Amino acid sequence: MVEAGVGSGALSCSLLRAVGDHGSLFSYERREDFAEIARNNVERYFGSPHPA
């Protein structure tokens, strides 16, 4: 699955739940500050980095 523009990471969390632990999600974000916010929100949501 591919996501362009991660924003806050809310959609990323939903997509990660959809692909599960063994799927793949490739998220592209041009702004490093947005990517960092999304990464932190995903880790906070799942409790750790998601394996996908």
PDB file of N, CA and C in Angstrom:
ATOM      1  N   MET A   1       0.847  -1.156   0.000  1.00  0.00           N
ATOM      2  CA  MET A   1       0.000   0.000   0.000  1.00  0.00           C
ATOM      3  C   MET A   1       0.902   1.230   0.000  1.00  0.00           C
ATOM      4  N   VAL A   2       0.478   2.275  -0.681  1.00  0.00           N
ATOM      5  CA  VAL A   2       1.259   3.509  -0.768  1.00  0.00           C
ATOM      6  C   VAL A   2       0.403   4.673  -0.290  1.00  0.00           C
ATOM      7  N   GLU A   3       1.031   5.545   0.480  1.00  0.00           N
ATOM      8  CA  GLU A   3       0.369   6.742   0.993  1.00  0.00           C
ATOM      9  C   GLU A   3       1.248   7.948   0.652  1.00  0.00           C
ATOM     10  N   ALA A   4       0.662   8.963   0.083  1.00  0.00           N
ATOM     11  CA  ALA A   4       1.405  10.182  -0.243  1.00  0.00           C
ATOM     12  C   ALA A   4       0.919  11.316   0.640  1.00  0.00           C
ATOM     13  N   GLY A   5       1.833  11.879   1.411  1.00  0.00           N
ATOM     14  CA  GLY A   5       1.483  12.943   2.340  1.00  0.00           C
ATOM     15  C   GLY A   5       0.914  12.365   3.618  1.00  0.00           C
ATOM     16  N   VAL A   6       1.717  12.263   4.661  1.00  0.00           N
ATOM     17  CA  VAL A   6       1.279  11.581   5.883  1.00  0.00           C
ATOM     18  C   VAL A   6       0.578  12.485   6.883  1.00  0.00           C
ATOM     19  N   GLY A   7       0.791  13.793   6.779  1.00  0.00           N
ATOM     20  CA  GLY A   7       0.122  14.696   7.717  1.00  0.00           C
ATOM     21  C   GLY A   7       0.404  14.318   9.153  1.00  0.00           C
ATOM     22  N   SER A   8      -0.634  14.123   9.945  1.00  0.00           N
ATOM     23  CA  SER A   8      -0.468  13.794  11.361  1.00  0.00           C
ATOM     24  C   SER A   8      -0.231  12.304  11.599  1.00  0.00           C
ATOM     25  N   GLY A   9      -0.480  11.475  10.591  1.00  0.00           N
ATOM     26  CA  GLY A   9      -0.310  10.036  10.743  1.00  0.00           C
ATOM     27  C   GLY A   9      -1.591   9.286  11.049  1.00  0.00           C
ATOM     28  N   ALA A  10      -2.720   9.980  11.132  1.00  0.00           N
ATOM     29  CA  ALA A  10      -3.991   9.326  11.455  1.00  0.00           C
ATOM     30  C   ALA A  10      -4.377   8.307  10.384  1.00  0.00           C
ATOM     31  N   LEU A  11      -4.292   8.689   9.120  1.00  0.00           N
ATOM     32  CA  LEU A  11      -4.589   7.741   8.051  1.00  0.00           C
ATOM     33  C   LEU A  11      -3.564   6.619   8.037  1.00  0.00           C
ATOM     34  N   SER A  12      -2.326   6.933   8.340  1.00  0.00           N
ATOM     35  CA  SER A  12      -1.275   5.916   8.403  1.00  0.00           C
ATOM     36  C   SER A  12      -1.641   4.833   9.411  1.00  0.00           C
ATOM     37  N   CYS A  13      -2.160   5.220  10.562  1.00  0.00           N
ATOM     38  CA  CYS A  13      -2.564   4.246  11.582  1.00  0.00           C
ATOM     39  C   CYS A  13      -3.649   3.318  11.048  1.00  0.00           C
ATOM     40  N   SER A  14      -4.621   3.878  10.359  1.00  0.00           N
ATOM     41  CA  SER A  14      -5.691   3.056   9.785  1.00  0.00           C
ATOM     42  C   SER A  14      -5.147   2.120   8.722  1.00  0.00           C
ATOM     43  N   LEU A  15      -4.279   2.631   7.870  1.00  0.00           N
ATOM     44  CA  LEU A  15      -3.707   1.800   6.820  1.00  0.00           C
ATOM     45  C   LEU A  15      -2.820   0.701   7.404  1.00  0.00           C
ATOM     46  N   LEU A  16      -2.081   1.021   8.453  1.00  0.00           N
ATOM     47  CA  LEU A  16      -1.245   0.006   9.105  1.00  0.00           C
ATOM     48  C   LEU A  16      -2.095  -1.087   9.740  1.00  0.00           C
ATOM     49  N   ARG A  17      -3.213  -0.716  10.309  1.00  0.00           N
ATOM     50  CA  ARG A  17      -4.121  -1.733  10.846  1.00  0.00           C
ATOM     51  C   ARG A  17      -4.649  -2.614   9.723  1.00  0.00           C
ATOM     52  N   ALA A  18      -4.915  -2.016   8.557  1.00  0.00           N
ATOM     53  CA  ALA A  18      -5.447  -2.775   7.420  1.00  0.00           C
ATOM     54  C   ALA A  18      -4.422  -3.756   6.856  1.00  0.00           C
ATOM     55  N   VAL A  19      -3.153  -3.367   6.764  1.00  0.00           N
ATOM     56  CA  VAL A  19      -2.144  -4.264   6.188  1.00  0.00           C
ATOM     57  C   VAL A  19      -1.645  -5.286   7.200  1.00  0.00           C
ATOM     58  N   GLY A  20      -1.831  -5.010   8.483  1.00  0.00           N
ATOM     59  CA  GLY A  20      -1.417  -5.961   9.514  1.00  0.00           C
ATOM     60  C   GLY A  20       0.089  -5.978   9.724  1.00  0.00           C
ATOM     61  N   ASP A  21       0.532  -6.938  10.527  1.00  0.00           N
ATOM     62  CA  ASP A  21       1.949  -7.028  10.890  1.00  0.00           C
ATOM     63  C   ASP A  21       2.828  -7.516   9.748  1.00  0.00           C
ATOM     64  N   HIS A  22       2.244  -8.177   8.776  1.00  0.00           N
ATOM     65  CA  HIS A  22       3.050  -8.780   7.710  1.00  0.00           C
ATOM     66  C   HIS A  22       2.902  -8.070   6.368  1.00  0.00           C
ATOM     67  N   GLY A  23       2.082  -7.030   6.311  1.00  0.00           N
ATOM     68  CA  GLY A  23       1.910  -6.263   5.077  1.00  0.00           C
ATOM     69  C   GLY A  23       2.946  -5.159   4.977  1.00  0.00           C
ATOM     70  N   SER A  24       2.769  -4.314   3.990  1.00  0.00           N
ATOM     71  CA  SER A  24       3.697  -3.199   3.782  1.00  0.00           C
ATOM     72  C   SER A  24       2.927  -1.915   3.523  1.00  0.00           C
ATOM     73  N   LEU A  25       3.412  -0.847   4.113  1.00  0.00           N
ATOM     74  CA  LEU A  25       2.887   0.483   3.855  1.00  0.00           C
ATOM     75  C   LEU A  25       4.073   1.381   3.571  1.00  0.00           C
ATOM     76  N   PHE A  26       4.078   2.021   2.418  1.00  0.00           N
ATOM     77  CA  PHE A  26       5.109   2.977   2.043  1.00  0.00           C
ATOM     78  C   PHE A  26       4.473   4.356   2.071  1.00  0.00           C
ATOM     79  N   SER A  27       4.945   5.189   2.989  1.00  0.00           N
ATOM     80  CA  SER A  27       4.403   6.535   3.156  1.00  0.00           C
ATOM     81  C   SER A  27       5.457   7.546   2.736  1.00  0.00           C
ATOM     82  N   TYR A  28       5.054   8.494   1.913  1.00  0.00           N
ATOM     83  CA  TYR A  28       5.962   9.523   1.424  1.00  0.00           C
ATOM     84  C   TYR A  28       5.500  10.887   1.916  1.00  0.00           C
ATOM     85  N   GLU A  29       6.444  11.608   2.480  1.00  0.00           N
ATOM     86  CA  GLU A  29       6.159  12.958   2.974  1.00  0.00           C
ATOM     87  C   GLU A  29       7.342  13.844   2.604  1.00  0.00           C
ATOM     88  N   ARG A  30       7.076  14.961   1.985  1.00  0.00           N
ATOM     89  CA  ARG A  30       8.130  15.881   1.561  1.00  0.00           C
ATOM     90  C   ARG A  30       8.698  16.677   2.730  1.00  0.00           C
ATOM     91  N   ARG A  31       7.870  16.936   3.731  1.00  0.00           N
ATOM     92  CA  ARG A  31       8.322  17.746   4.862  1.00  0.00           C
ATOM     93  C   ARG A  31       8.788  16.852   6.000  1.00  0.00           C
ATOM     94  N   GLU A  32      10.044  16.991   6.368  1.00  0.00           N
ATOM     95  CA  GLU A  32      10.614  16.163   7.435  1.00  0.00           C
ATOM     96  C   GLU A  32       9.898  16.383   8.765  1.00  0.00           C
ATOM     97  N   ASP A  33       9.468  17.624   9.038  1.00  0.00           N
ATOM     98  CA  ASP A  33       8.782  17.878  10.308  1.00  0.00           C
ATOM     99  C   ASP A  33       7.444  17.144  10.363  1.00  0.00           C
ATOM    100  N   PHE A  34       6.709  17.077   9.257  1.00  0.00           N
ATOM    101  CA  PHE A  34       5.458  16.311   9.225  1.00  0.00           C
ATOM    102  C   PHE A  34       5.737  14.817   9.373  1.00  0.00           C
ATOM    103  N   ALA A  35       6.790  14.339   8.715  1.00  0.00           N
ATOM    104  CA  ALA A  35       7.141  12.916   8.806  1.00  0.00           C
ATOM    105  C   ALA A  35       7.452  12.528  10.248  1.00  0.00           C
ATOM    106  N   GLU A  36       8.168  13.387  10.951  1.00  0.00           N
ATOM    107  CA  GLU A  36       8.514  13.108  12.347  1.00  0.00           C
ATOM    108  C   GLU A  36       7.267  13.108  13.238  1.00  0.00           C
ATOM    109  N   ILE A  37       6.364  14.051  13.017  1.00  0.00           N
ATOM    110  CA  ILE A  37       5.112  14.090  13.785  1.00  0.00           C
ATOM    111  C   ILE A  37       4.315  12.816  13.540  1.00  0.00           C
ATOM    112  N   ALA A  38       4.189  12.426  12.291  1.00  0.00           N
ATOM    113  CA  ALA A  38       3.437  11.213  11.955  1.00  0.00           C
ATOM    114  C   ALA A  38       4.090   9.982  12.569  1.00  0.00           C
ATOM    115  N   ARG A  39       5.407   9.885  12.472  1.00  0.00           N
ATOM    116  CA  ARG A  39       6.134   8.744  13.051  1.00  0.00           C
ATOM    117  C   ARG A  39       5.874   8.658  14.549  1.00  0.00           C
ATOM    118  N   ASN A  40       5.956   9.775  15.234  1.00  0.00           N
ATOM    119  CA  ASN A  40       5.703   9.785  16.681  1.00  0.00           C
ATOM    120  C   ASN A  40       4.263   9.399  17.000  1.00  0.00           C
ATOM    121  N   ASN A  41       3.305   9.892  16.222  1.00  0.00           N
ATOM    122  CA  ASN A  41       1.900   9.553  16.467  1.00  0.00           C
ATOM    123  C   ASN A  41       1.617   8.077  16.212  1.00  0.00           C
ATOM    124  N   VAL A  42       2.221   7.511  15.168  1.00  0.00           N
ATOM    125  CA  VAL A  42       2.044   6.080  14.895  1.00  0.00           C
ATOM    126  C   VAL A  42       2.624   5.256  16.042  1.00  0.00           C
ATOM    127  N   GLU A  43       3.812   5.601  16.491  1.00  0.00           N
ATOM    128  CA  GLU A  43       4.427   4.867  17.597  1.00  0.00           C
ATOM    129  C   GLU A  43       3.619   5.011  18.883  1.00  0.00           C
ATOM    130  N   ARG A  44       3.055   6.179  19.106  1.00  0.00           N
ATOM    131  CA  ARG A  44       2.224   6.384  20.298  1.00  0.00           C
ATOM    132  C   ARG A  44       0.937   5.548  20.195  1.00  0.00           C
ATOM    133  N   TYR A  45       0.344   5.494  19.009  1.00  0.00           N
ATOM    134  CA  TYR A  45      -0.894   4.737  18.792  1.00  0.00           C
ATOM    135  C   TYR A  45      -0.677   3.240  18.999  1.00  0.00           C
ATOM    136  N   PHE A  46       0.401   2.699  18.424  1.00  0.00           N
ATOM    137  CA  PHE A  46       0.663   1.258  18.506  1.00  0.00           C
ATOM    138  C   PHE A  46       1.511   0.870  19.713  1.00  0.00           C
ATOM    139  N   GLY A  47       2.090   1.836  20.392  1.00  0.00           N
ATOM    140  CA  GLY A  47       2.916   1.548  21.553  1.00  0.00           C
ATOM    141  C   GLY A  47       4.373   1.276  21.222  1.00  0.00           C
ATOM    142  N   SER A  48       4.699   1.193  19.941  1.00  0.00           N
ATOM    143  CA  SER A  48       6.066   0.962  19.459  1.00  0.00           C
ATOM    144  C   SER A  48       6.029   1.128  17.942  1.00  0.00           C
ATOM    145  N   PRO A  49       7.203   1.121  17.311  1.00  0.00           N
ATOM    146  CA  PRO A  49       7.188   1.193  15.847  1.00  0.00           C
ATOM    147  C   PRO A  49       6.421   0.003  15.248  1.00  0.00           C
ATOM    148  N   HIS A  50       5.605   0.263  14.256  1.00  0.00           N
ATOM    149  CA  HIS A  50       4.828  -0.807  13.620  1.00  0.00           C
ATOM    150  C   HIS A  50       5.733  -1.591  12.678  1.00  0.00           C
ATOM    151  N   PRO A  51       5.610  -2.920  12.641  1.00  0.00           N
ATOM    152  CA  PRO A  51       6.498  -3.721  11.783  1.00  0.00           C
ATOM    153  C   PRO A  51       6.304  -3.515  10.282  1.00  0.00           C
ATOM    154  N   ALA A  52       5.152  -2.961   9.882  1.00  0.00           N
ATOM    155  CA  ALA A  52       4.935  -2.726   8.446  1.00  0.00           C
ATOM    156  C   ALA A  52       5.578  -1.428   8.046  1.00  0.00           C
TER     157      ALA A  52
END
